[in-house]
Amino acid sequence: MVVLILTLGLTGCFSYQPVLDGSPEPDAEVRLRLSAPAAVALSERTGRTIRSVEGVLLEATSDSLTVDVRWGAIYAGTPFEGRRDVLAFHRSEVVEIDRREFSRVRTGIVAGGLAAAALLILRSFTGGGGDQGGTGPGPGDPL
């Protein structure tokens, strides 16, 4: 449960922003939205529908982009680390380039939500919000 909440919290801290000049810097985390022919070719190769890929940009030249992509769940340091591929795309195969960036607004929203949830959980353990009145049944009252 805690891992799920932390995962949701961390994903809320980032968003993808368009790269307006079309030249992201290497080692940036990017999402490439693919053209229809490139998406179909990659989908046929992987056996699942893919319209975009996310990964670390390894190289950006005037005519190509090379990305280190991770497929599936990542469990670092375990035998289930997931599959990685290095994919190269011609610039004509990429419709849009987005860079993953820290989002203050989303982080604030997630932090506020997590704080509110923590407060509710804390109040439930400390007895807050319940009926505090009464001393129990009086003499002669049925149980």
C-alpha atoms as a PDB file:
ATOM      1  CA  MET A   1       0.000   0.000   0.000  1.00  0.00           C
ATOM      2  CA  VAL A   2       2.774   2.410   0.953  1.00  0.00           C
ATOM      3  CA  VAL A   3       4.737   1.519  -2.195  1.00  0.00           C
ATOM      4  CA  LEU A   4       1.664   2.265  -4.334  1.00  0.00           C
ATOM      5  CA  ILE A   5       1.186   5.657  -2.692  1.00  0.00           C
ATOM      6  CA  LEU A   6       4.870   6.541  -3.125  1.00  0.00           C
ATOM      7  CA  THR A   7       4.816   5.441  -6.755  1.00  0.00           C
ATOM      8  CA  LEU A   8       1.773   7.578  -7.471  1.00  0.00           C
ATOM      9  CA  GLY A   9       3.380  10.467  -5.629  1.00  0.00           C
ATOM     10  CA  LEU A  10       6.609  10.302  -7.583  1.00  0.00           C
ATOM     11  CA  THR A  11       4.872  10.065 -10.952  1.00  0.00           C
ATOM     12  CA  GLY A  12       2.925  13.198 -10.100  1.00  0.00           C
ATOM     13  CA  CYS A  13       6.161  15.161  -9.798  1.00  0.00           C
ATOM     14  CA  PHE A  14       6.992  15.035 -13.490  1.00  0.00           C
ATOM     15  CA  SER A  15       5.328  16.006 -16.739  1.00  0.00           C
ATOM     16  CA  TYR A  16       6.322  15.989 -20.395  1.00  0.00           C
ATOM     17  CA  GLN A  17       6.911  19.326 -22.100  1.00  0.00           C
ATOM     18  CA  PRO A  18       7.340  19.747 -25.867  1.00  0.00           C
ATOM     19  CA  VAL A  19      10.854  20.397 -27.128  1.00  0.00           C
ATOM     20  CA  LEU A  20      10.178  23.450 -29.262  1.00  0.00           C
ATOM     21  CA  ASP A  21      13.497  23.626 -31.117  1.00  0.00           C
ATOM     22  CA  GLY A  22      13.482  19.878 -31.875  1.00  0.00           C
ATOM     23  CA  SER A  23      16.951  19.406 -30.386  1.00  0.00           C
ATOM     24  CA  PRO A  24      16.850  17.865 -26.916  1.00  0.00           C
ATOM     25  CA  GLU A  25      20.161  17.417 -25.138  1.00  0.00           C
ATOM     26  CA  PRO A  26      21.643  13.920 -24.747  1.00  0.00           C
ATOM     27  CA  ASP A  27      20.868  12.097 -21.480  1.00  0.00           C
ATOM     28  CA  ALA A  28      17.481  13.823 -21.285  1.00  0.00           C
ATOM     29  CA  GLU A  29      14.459  11.654 -20.536  1.00  0.00           C
ATOM     30  CA  VAL A  30      12.237  11.990 -23.579  1.00  0.00           C
ATOM     31  CA  ARG A  31       9.040  10.724 -25.149  1.00  0.00           C
ATOM     32  CA  LEU A  32       8.983  10.396 -28.931  1.00  0.00           C
ATOM     33  CA  ARG A  33       5.583  10.341 -30.622  1.00  0.00           C
ATOM     34  CA  LEU A  34       6.046   8.281 -33.773  1.00  0.00           C
ATOM     35  CA  SER A  35       4.628   8.711 -37.247  1.00  0.00           C
ATOM     36  CA  ALA A  36       2.057   6.124 -38.308  1.00  0.00           C
ATOM     37  CA  PRO A  37       4.486   4.065 -40.466  1.00  0.00           C
ATOM     38  CA  ALA A  38       7.135   4.021 -37.712  1.00  0.00           C
ATOM     39  CA  ALA A  39       4.524   3.089 -35.082  1.00  0.00           C
ATOM     40  CA  VAL A  40       3.226   0.229 -37.230  1.00  0.00           C
ATOM     41  CA  ALA A  41       6.745  -1.096 -37.872  1.00  0.00           C
ATOM     42  CA  LEU A  42       7.655  -0.993 -34.173  1.00  0.00           C
ATOM     43  CA  SER A  43       4.303  -2.514 -33.182  1.00  0.00           C
ATOM     44  CA  GLU A  44       4.872  -5.424 -35.572  1.00  0.00           C
ATOM     45  CA  ARG A  45       8.358  -5.922 -34.160  1.00  0.00           C
ATOM     46  CA  THR A  46       7.250  -5.923 -30.510  1.00  0.00           C
ATOM     47  CA  GLY A  47       3.842  -7.583 -30.883  1.00  0.00           C
ATOM     48  CA  ARG A  48       1.933  -4.793 -29.145  1.00  0.00           C
ATOM     49  CA  THR A  49       0.497  -1.465 -30.221  1.00  0.00           C
ATOM     50  CA  ILE A  50       3.001   1.344 -29.766  1.00  0.00           C
ATOM     51  CA  ARG A  51       2.454   4.972 -30.756  1.00  0.00           C
ATOM     52  CA  SER A  52       5.257   6.517 -28.709  1.00  0.00           C
ATOM     53  CA  VAL A  53       8.393   5.476 -26.844  1.00  0.00           C
ATOM     54  CA  GLU A  54       9.906   6.821 -23.637  1.00  0.00           C
ATOM     55  CA  GLY A  55      13.542   6.592 -22.648  1.00  0.00           C
ATOM     56  CA  VAL A  56      16.887   8.296 -22.303  1.00  0.00           C
ATOM     57  CA  LEU A  57      18.130  10.142 -25.366  1.00  0.00           C
ATOM     58  CA  LEU A  58      21.553   8.765 -26.259  1.00  0.00           C
ATOM     59  CA  GLU A  59      22.217  10.777 -29.405  1.00  0.00           C
ATOM     60  CA  ALA A  60      20.522  13.475 -31.456  1.00  0.00           C
ATOM     61  CA  THR A  61      21.857  14.307 -34.898  1.00  0.00           C
ATOM     62  CA  SER A  62      20.368  16.448 -37.632  1.00  0.00           C
ATOM     63  CA  ASP A  63      18.721  13.381 -39.187  1.00  0.00           C
ATOM     64  CA  SER A  64      18.249  10.835 -36.375  1.00  0.00           C
ATOM     65  CA  LEU A  65      17.425  10.258 -32.704  1.00  0.00           C
ATOM     66  CA  THR A  66      18.719   7.312 -30.677  1.00  0.00           C
ATOM     67  CA  VAL A  67      16.894   6.375 -27.471  1.00  0.00           C
ATOM     68  CA  ASP A  68      17.535   3.811 -24.728  1.00  0.00           C
ATOM     69  CA  VAL A  69      14.061   2.346 -24.092  1.00  0.00           C
ATOM     70  CA  ARG A  70      12.997   0.051 -21.235  1.00  0.00           C
ATOM     71  CA  TRP A  71      10.118  -2.335 -21.891  1.00  0.00           C
ATOM     72  CA  GLY A  72       7.920  -3.602 -19.104  1.00  0.00           C
ATOM     73  CA  ALA A  73       8.299  -3.329 -15.358  1.00  0.00           C
ATOM     74  CA  ILE A  74      11.660  -2.400 -13.919  1.00  0.00           C
ATOM     75  CA  TYR A  75      12.804  -4.063 -10.729  1.00  0.00           C
ATOM     76  CA  ALA A  76      16.392  -2.826 -10.434  1.00  0.00           C
ATOM     77  CA  GLY A  77      18.888  -5.291  -9.092  1.00  0.00           C
ATOM     78  CA  THR A  78      16.623  -8.285  -9.606  1.00  0.00           C
ATOM     79  CA  PRO A  79      16.378 -10.919 -12.326  1.00  0.00           C
ATOM     80  CA  PHE A  80      13.219  -9.088 -13.447  1.00  0.00           C
ATOM     81  CA  GLU A  81      14.941  -5.870 -14.523  1.00  0.00           C
ATOM     82  CA  GLY A  82      13.007  -5.754 -17.761  1.00  0.00           C
ATOM     83  CA  ARG A  83      14.148  -5.615 -21.332  1.00  0.00           C
ATOM     84  CA  ARG A  84      16.080  -2.687 -22.745  1.00  0.00           C
ATOM     85  CA  ASP A  85      16.517  -1.717 -26.374  1.00  0.00           C
ATOM     86  CA  VAL A  86      18.434   0.985 -28.123  1.00  0.00           C
ATOM     87  CA  LEU A  87      16.167   2.318 -30.863  1.00  0.00           C
ATOM     88  CA  ALA A  88      17.167   4.713 -33.620  1.00  0.00           C
ATOM     89  CA  PHE A  89      14.609   6.754 -35.550  1.00  0.00           C
ATOM     90  CA  HIS A  90      15.018   8.977 -38.568  1.00  0.00           C
ATOM     91  CA  ARG A  91      13.727  12.487 -37.818  1.00  0.00           C
ATOM     92  CA  SER A  92      10.943  11.948 -40.376  1.00  0.00           C
ATOM     93  CA  GLU A  93       9.633   9.058 -38.209  1.00  0.00           C
ATOM     94  CA  VAL A  94       9.201  11.319 -35.162  1.00  0.00           C
ATOM     95  CA  VAL A  95       6.154  13.577 -35.044  1.00  0.00           C
ATOM     96  CA  GLU A  96       6.835  15.161 -31.644  1.00  0.00           C
ATOM     97  CA  ILE A  97       9.593  15.218 -29.033  1.00  0.00           C
ATOM     98  CA  ASP A  98       8.728  15.814 -25.381  1.00  0.00           C
ATOM     99  CA  ARG A  99      11.196  16.169 -22.505  1.00  0.00           C
ATOM    100  CA  ARG A 100      10.370  14.911 -19.010  1.00  0.00           C
ATOM    101  CA  GLU A 101      10.609  17.784 -16.532  1.00  0.00           C
ATOM    102  CA  PHE A 102       9.959  18.391 -12.854  1.00  0.00           C
ATOM    103  CA  SER A 103       6.512  19.941 -12.293  1.00  0.00           C
ATOM    104  CA  ARG A 104       6.094  22.175  -9.221  1.00  0.00           C
ATOM    105  CA  VAL A 105       2.309  22.345  -9.629  1.00  0.00           C
ATOM    106  CA  ARG A 106       1.809  18.594  -9.866  1.00  0.00           C
ATOM    107  CA  THR A 107       4.251  18.040  -7.007  1.00  0.00           C
ATOM    108  CA  GLY A 108       2.294  20.500  -4.847  1.00  0.00           C
ATOM    109  CA  ILE A 109      -0.988  18.772  -5.619  1.00  0.00           C
ATOM    110  CA  VAL A 110       0.435  15.329  -4.857  1.00  0.00           C
ATOM    111  CA  ALA A 111       2.128  16.541  -1.643  1.00  0.00           C
ATOM    112  CA  GLY A 112      -1.132  18.147  -0.485  1.00  0.00           C
ATOM    113  CA  GLY A 113      -3.095  14.985  -1.230  1.00  0.00           C
ATOM    114  CA  LEU A 114      -0.567  12.772   0.540  1.00  0.00           C
ATOM    115  CA  ALA A 115      -0.529  15.109   3.566  1.00  0.00           C
ATOM    116  CA  ALA A 116      -4.347  15.047   3.739  1.00  0.00           C
ATOM    117  CA  ALA A 117      -4.382  11.246   3.493  1.00  0.00           C
ATOM    118  CA  ALA A 118      -1.722  10.979   6.215  1.00  0.00           C
ATOM    119  CA  LEU A 119      -3.752  13.299   8.463  1.00  0.00           C
ATOM    120  CA  LEU A 120      -6.901  11.204   7.970  1.00  0.00           C
ATOM    121  CA  ILE A 121      -5.009   8.002   8.743  1.00  0.00           C
ATOM    122  CA  LEU A 122      -3.414   9.555  11.817  1.00  0.00           C
ATOM    123  CA  ARG A 123      -6.788  10.791  13.082  1.00  0.00           C
ATOM    124  CA  SER A 124      -8.297   7.333  12.647  1.00  0.00           C
ATOM    125  CA  PHE A 125      -5.550   5.819  14.835  1.00  0.00           C
ATOM    126  CA  THR A 126      -5.734   8.494  17.523  1.00  0.00           C
ATOM    127  CA  GLY A 127      -9.512   8.321  17.811  1.00  0.00           C
ATOM    128  CA  GLY A 128     -10.219  11.695  16.256  1.00  0.00           C
ATOM    129  CA  GLY A 129     -13.576  12.268  14.648  1.00  0.00           C
ATOM    130  CA  GLY A 130     -15.487   9.610  16.575  1.00  0.00           C
ATOM    131  CA  ASP A 131     -18.159   9.891  19.315  1.00  0.00           C
ATOM    132  CA  GLN A 132     -16.264  10.797  22.478  1.00  0.00           C
ATOM    133  CA  GLY A 133     -19.360  11.212  24.706  1.00  0.00           C
ATOM    134  CA  GLY A 134     -20.989   8.754  27.081  1.00  0.00           C
ATOM    135  CA  THR A 135     -19.627   6.651  29.865  1.00  0.00           C
ATOM    136  CA  GLY A 136     -21.180   3.358  28.928  1.00  0.00           C
ATOM    137  CA  PRO A 137     -24.358   1.720  30.171  1.00  0.00           C
ATOM    138  CA  GLY A 138     -25.723   2.833  33.529  1.00  0.00           C
ATOM    139  CA  PRO A 139     -26.800   0.520  36.317  1.00  0.00           C
ATOM    140  CA  GLY A 140     -29.796  -1.471  35.228  1.00  0.00           C
ATOM    141  CA  ASP A 141     -29.404  -0.605  31.506  1.00  0.00           C
ATOM    142  CA  PRO A 142     -29.414  -3.599  29.188  1.00  0.00           C
ATOM    143  CA  LEU A 143     -26.130  -4.427  27.545  1.00  0.00           C
END
